[in-house]
Amino acid sequence: MTKKEIDKLIRNESGIILLKKDSEETFLEILFKELSILTFVYALIKRKIDYLILTEQRVLFIIRNEVIENRVLTGTEKLIYNGIKPSFEITDSEQHYSFSLSKLKVSYEEAKLIRQKLADFANLKNK
């Protein structure tokens, strides 16, 4: 998913970005970065970003520009970030769904930010 597609989705569905960070480098990316001849190739490969996006209709989890989770919401769900596992939990009256955020490598500060933005989103939804 490209940055333009993500920006359009956020505008169209009134979304917020819970977390946006550069993807971790793979071994080949580190190798390309060290070799001056392949610096241009590295610049093309490097444009990878990880996202955790929440909109009124969906929760979207993107790693290295690939959609990992695209969960559609009905509006009655309770959204919880579990920092111990780390995982994102979606619960409604009928079912409970959870997906892992371990690939995102969430730091303590980022976890606090996710919790705060979830609280803000819940407040916006209740108004």
Protein backbone atom coordinates (compact mmCIF):
# COMPACT_ATOMS: atom_id res chain seq x y z
CA MET A 1 0.00 0.00 0.00
CA THR A 2 1.47 3.34 -1.02
CA LYS A 3 1.60 6.52 1.03
CA LYS A 4 -0.95 8.16 -1.29
CA GLU A 5 -3.39 5.28 -0.77
CA ILE A 6 -2.92 5.50 3.00
CA ASP A 7 -3.45 9.29 3.03
CA LYS A 8 -6.60 8.92 0.90
CA LEU A 9 -7.96 6.19 3.22
CA ILE A 10 -7.37 8.36 6.31
CA ARG A 11 -9.12 11.35 4.70
CA ASN A 12 -12.08 9.34 3.38
CA GLU A 13 -12.71 7.33 6.55
CA SER A 14 -11.82 9.92 9.22
CA GLY A 15 -8.86 7.95 10.47
CA ILE A 16 -5.93 8.49 12.76
CA ILE A 17 -2.48 6.98 12.56
CA LEU A 18 -1.82 5.21 15.84
CA LEU A 19 1.78 4.52 14.92
CA LYS A 20 4.00 5.27 11.92
CA LYS A 21 7.65 4.30 11.85
CA ASP A 22 10.37 3.30 9.43
CA SER A 23 10.62 -0.41 8.80
CA GLU A 24 13.60 -2.26 10.20
CA GLU A 25 16.37 -2.93 7.73
CA THR A 26 16.91 -6.43 6.37
CA PHE A 27 20.37 -7.96 6.01
CA LEU A 28 20.50 -7.13 2.28
CA GLU A 29 19.48 -3.53 2.94
CA ILE A 30 22.28 -3.17 5.47
CA LEU A 31 24.72 -4.69 2.98
CA PHE A 32 23.56 -2.37 0.17
CA LYS A 33 23.88 0.63 2.44
CA GLU A 34 27.53 -0.24 3.17
CA LEU A 35 28.52 -0.70 -0.47
CA SER A 36 28.89 2.70 -2.13
CA ILE A 37 28.18 1.30 -5.62
CA LEU A 38 24.77 0.04 -4.57
CA THR A 39 23.71 3.18 -2.68
CA PHE A 40 21.14 4.04 -5.35
CA VAL A 41 19.60 0.56 -5.12
CA TYR A 42 19.47 0.93 -1.34
CA ALA A 43 17.63 4.26 -1.67
CA LEU A 44 14.94 2.55 -3.75
CA ILE A 45 14.60 -0.38 -1.36
CA LYS A 46 14.60 1.74 1.81
CA ARG A 47 11.22 3.40 1.25
CA LYS A 48 9.38 1.02 3.58
CA ILE A 49 7.16 2.22 6.39
CA ASP A 50 5.15 0.43 9.09
CA TYR A 51 1.71 1.71 10.09
CA LEU A 52 -1.00 1.00 12.61
CA ILE A 53 -4.07 2.94 11.42
CA LEU A 54 -7.50 3.25 12.98
CA THR A 55 -10.50 4.64 11.08
CA GLU A 56 -14.21 4.59 11.77
CA GLN A 57 -14.60 1.53 9.53
CA ARG A 58 -11.37 -0.43 9.98
CA VAL A 59 -8.14 -1.24 11.77
CA LEU A 60 -5.26 -1.44 9.33
CA PHE A 61 -1.83 -2.91 10.15
CA ILE A 62 0.90 -2.46 7.51
CA ILE A 63 4.46 -3.81 7.70
CA ARG A 64 7.02 -2.90 5.04
CA ASN A 65 4.21 -1.44 2.88
CA GLU A 66 2.31 -4.77 2.95
CA VAL A 67 -1.13 -5.04 4.53
CA ILE A 68 -0.94 -7.59 7.37
CA GLU A 69 -4.38 -6.97 8.92
CA ASN A 70 -7.35 -5.10 7.50
CA ARG A 71 -10.16 -5.62 9.99
CA VAL A 72 -13.55 -4.05 9.21
CA LEU A 73 -15.36 -2.50 12.18
CA THR A 74 -19.12 -2.23 12.71
CA GLY A 75 -18.94 0.52 15.32
CA THR A 76 -19.88 -1.52 18.39
CA GLU A 77 -16.40 -2.91 19.09
CA LYS A 78 -14.13 -2.14 22.00
CA LEU A 79 -10.52 -1.61 20.93
CA ILE A 80 -7.71 -2.49 23.34
CA TYR A 81 -3.95 -2.35 22.99
CA ASN A 82 -2.21 -5.03 25.04
CA GLY A 83 1.35 -3.86 25.66
CA ILE A 84 2.43 -7.04 27.45
CA LYS A 85 2.04 -9.40 24.45
CA PRO A 86 2.07 -6.86 22.33
CA SER A 87 -1.24 -7.22 20.51
CA PHE A 88 -4.28 -5.30 19.38
CA GLU A 89 -7.63 -6.66 20.54
CA ILE A 90 -11.06 -6.05 19.05
CA THR A 91 -14.02 -7.18 21.15
CA ASP A 92 -17.75 -6.90 20.54
CA SER A 93 -20.74 -8.64 22.10
CA GLU A 94 -20.38 -11.72 19.89
CA GLN A 95 -16.67 -12.31 19.35
CA HIS A 96 -13.12 -11.47 20.37
CA TYR A 97 -10.34 -11.01 17.81
CA SER A 98 -6.67 -10.31 18.45
CA PHE A 99 -3.62 -9.86 16.24
CA SER A 100 0.05 -9.58 17.16
CA LEU A 101 2.03 -6.35 16.81
CA SER A 102 5.38 -8.03 17.49
CA LYS A 103 6.66 -7.19 13.99
CA LEU A 104 6.10 -3.52 14.76
CA LYS A 105 8.57 -3.61 17.69
CA VAL A 106 6.62 -1.10 19.79
CA SER A 107 8.68 0.83 22.35
CA TYR A 108 7.35 1.94 25.75
CA GLU A 109 6.80 5.52 24.54
CA GLU A 110 5.02 4.29 21.40
CA ALA A 111 2.78 2.04 23.54
CA LYS A 112 1.77 5.05 25.65
CA LEU A 113 1.04 6.99 22.46
CA ILE A 114 -1.13 4.15 21.09
CA ARG A 115 -3.13 3.99 24.34
CA GLN A 116 -3.62 7.77 24.35
CA LYS A 117 -4.77 7.87 20.72
CA LEU A 118 -7.17 4.97 21.34
CA ALA A 119 -8.67 6.93 24.24
CA ASP A 120 -8.94 10.03 22.03
CA PHE A 121 -10.60 8.00 19.27
CA ALA A 122 -13.10 6.50 21.73
CA ASN A 123 -13.95 10.00 22.98
CA LEU A 124 -14.49 11.25 19.41
CA LYS A 125 -16.69 8.27 18.64
CA ASN A 126 -18.86 8.87 21.72
CA LYS A 127 -19.55 12.53 20.86
